[in-house]
């Protein structure tokens, strides 16, 4: 993945999640939309990232669909990450295991 793709959230979402096997191409398209919106500003909530209530509701319906698993959604992202790491001689993987309880 090049840095130009990372600077465009829609391109990043298509490249990252466009190969998701969700049983129907329309589901993959529905995945790319909230991924792109969240890519614009990853620190905000889903409702804050979507343009309106209809898009927010559609994203929640998509994510609540029992026919789609977390593994199916994340599989293309994991594959892209693996491919990207395989192209490098060294990779730094940082895991934040911070546990905060208030």
Protein backbone atom coordinates (compact mmCIF):
# COMPACT_ATOMS: atom_id res chain seq x y z
CA UNK A 1 0.00 0.00 0.00
CA UNK A 2 1.44 3.34 -0.94
CA UNK A 3 1.23 6.50 1.13
CA UNK A 4 -1.06 8.14 -1.44
CA UNK A 5 -3.67 5.43 -0.81
CA UNK A 6 -3.35 5.97 2.94
CA UNK A 7 -4.05 9.67 2.46
CA UNK A 8 -7.36 8.93 0.71
CA UNK A 9 -9.72 7.10 3.08
CA UNK A 10 -12.03 5.91 0.29
CA UNK A 11 -9.13 4.38 -1.68
CA UNK A 12 -7.79 2.83 1.53
CA UNK A 13 -11.20 1.32 2.35
CA UNK A 14 -11.62 -0.13 -1.14
CA UNK A 15 -8.09 -1.55 -1.13
CA UNK A 16 -8.39 -2.89 2.40
CA UNK A 17 -11.95 -4.24 2.48
CA UNK A 18 -12.90 -4.50 -1.21
CA UNK A 19 -11.93 -8.18 -1.30
CA UNK A 20 -14.10 -9.16 1.66
CA UNK A 21 -15.99 -12.40 1.05
CA UNK A 22 -19.39 -11.64 2.58
CA UNK A 23 -21.58 -13.78 0.37
CA UNK A 24 -22.85 -10.90 -1.76
CA UNK A 25 -21.00 -8.11 -3.54
CA UNK A 26 -23.50 -5.58 -2.16
CA UNK A 27 -22.42 -6.46 1.37
CA UNK A 28 -18.81 -5.72 0.46
CA UNK A 29 -19.90 -2.34 -0.90
CA UNK A 30 -21.77 -1.71 2.35
CA UNK A 31 -18.61 -2.52 4.32
CA UNK A 32 -16.47 -0.09 2.33
CA UNK A 33 -18.77 2.87 3.06
CA UNK A 34 -18.44 2.97 6.89
CA UNK A 35 -14.77 1.94 6.66
CA UNK A 36 -14.13 4.93 4.43
CA UNK A 37 -16.09 7.24 6.74
CA UNK A 38 -14.18 5.99 9.78
CA UNK A 39 -10.93 6.37 7.84
CA UNK A 40 -11.61 10.09 7.55
CA UNK A 41 -11.32 10.46 11.32
CA UNK A 42 -10.59 7.19 13.15
CA UNK A 43 -10.93 8.75 16.59
CA UNK A 44 -14.65 9.55 16.32
CA UNK A 45 -17.66 7.31 16.84
CA UNK A 46 -19.54 5.64 14.02
CA UNK A 47 -22.48 8.09 14.24
CA UNK A 48 -20.09 11.04 14.20
CA UNK A 49 -18.29 9.70 11.14
CA UNK A 50 -21.38 9.07 9.01
CA UNK A 51 -23.03 11.94 7.12
CA UNK A 52 -26.56 11.41 8.40
CA UNK A 53 -28.83 9.16 10.43
CA UNK A 54 -29.75 7.00 7.43
CA UNK A 55 -26.09 6.11 6.81
CA UNK A 56 -25.54 5.52 10.52
CA UNK A 57 -28.57 3.24 10.70
CA UNK A 58 -27.45 1.35 7.58
CA UNK A 59 -23.98 0.83 9.09
CA UNK A 60 -25.46 -0.50 12.34
CA UNK A 61 -27.77 -2.83 10.42
CA UNK A 62 -24.82 -4.10 8.38
CA UNK A 63 -22.67 -4.67 11.48
CA UNK A 64 -25.57 -6.37 13.25
CA UNK A 65 -26.19 -8.81 10.41
CA UNK A 66 -25.75 -12.31 11.85
CA UNK A 67 -24.80 -13.65 8.40
CA UNK A 68 -21.57 -11.61 8.57
CA UNK A 69 -18.83 -12.37 11.07
CA UNK A 70 -16.05 -10.24 12.47
CA UNK A 71 -13.59 -12.69 10.93
CA UNK A 72 -15.10 -12.18 7.46
CA UNK A 73 -14.85 -8.41 7.82
CA UNK A 74 -11.27 -8.47 9.09
CA UNK A 75 -9.86 -11.22 6.80
CA UNK A 76 -8.92 -8.90 3.90
CA UNK A 77 -7.37 -6.41 6.32
CA UNK A 78 -5.28 -9.16 7.93
CA UNK A 79 -4.24 -10.44 4.48
CA UNK A 80 -3.23 -6.95 3.36
CA UNK A 81 -1.25 -6.40 6.56
CA UNK A 82 0.51 -9.75 6.12
CA UNK A 83 1.34 -8.95 2.50
CA UNK A 84 2.66 -5.52 3.43
CA UNK A 85 4.83 -7.00 6.20
CA UNK A 86 6.15 -9.74 3.89
CA UNK A 87 7.52 -7.06 1.56
CA UNK A 88 9.72 -5.60 4.32
CA UNK A 89 12.96 -6.89 5.78
CA UNK A 90 11.96 -5.72 9.26
CA UNK A 91 8.56 -5.04 10.77
CA UNK A 92 7.80 -3.49 14.13
CA UNK A 93 4.57 -4.78 15.67
CA UNK A 94 3.46 -2.82 18.69
CA UNK A 95 0.83 -4.23 21.01
CA UNK A 96 -0.77 -1.97 23.56
CA UNK A 97 -1.91 -4.11 26.46
CA UNK A 98 -2.82 -1.17 28.66
CA UNK A 99 -5.72 -1.98 30.94
CA UNK A 100 -7.42 1.02 32.52
CA UNK A 101 -10.31 0.78 34.94
CA UNK A 102 -12.05 3.80 36.28
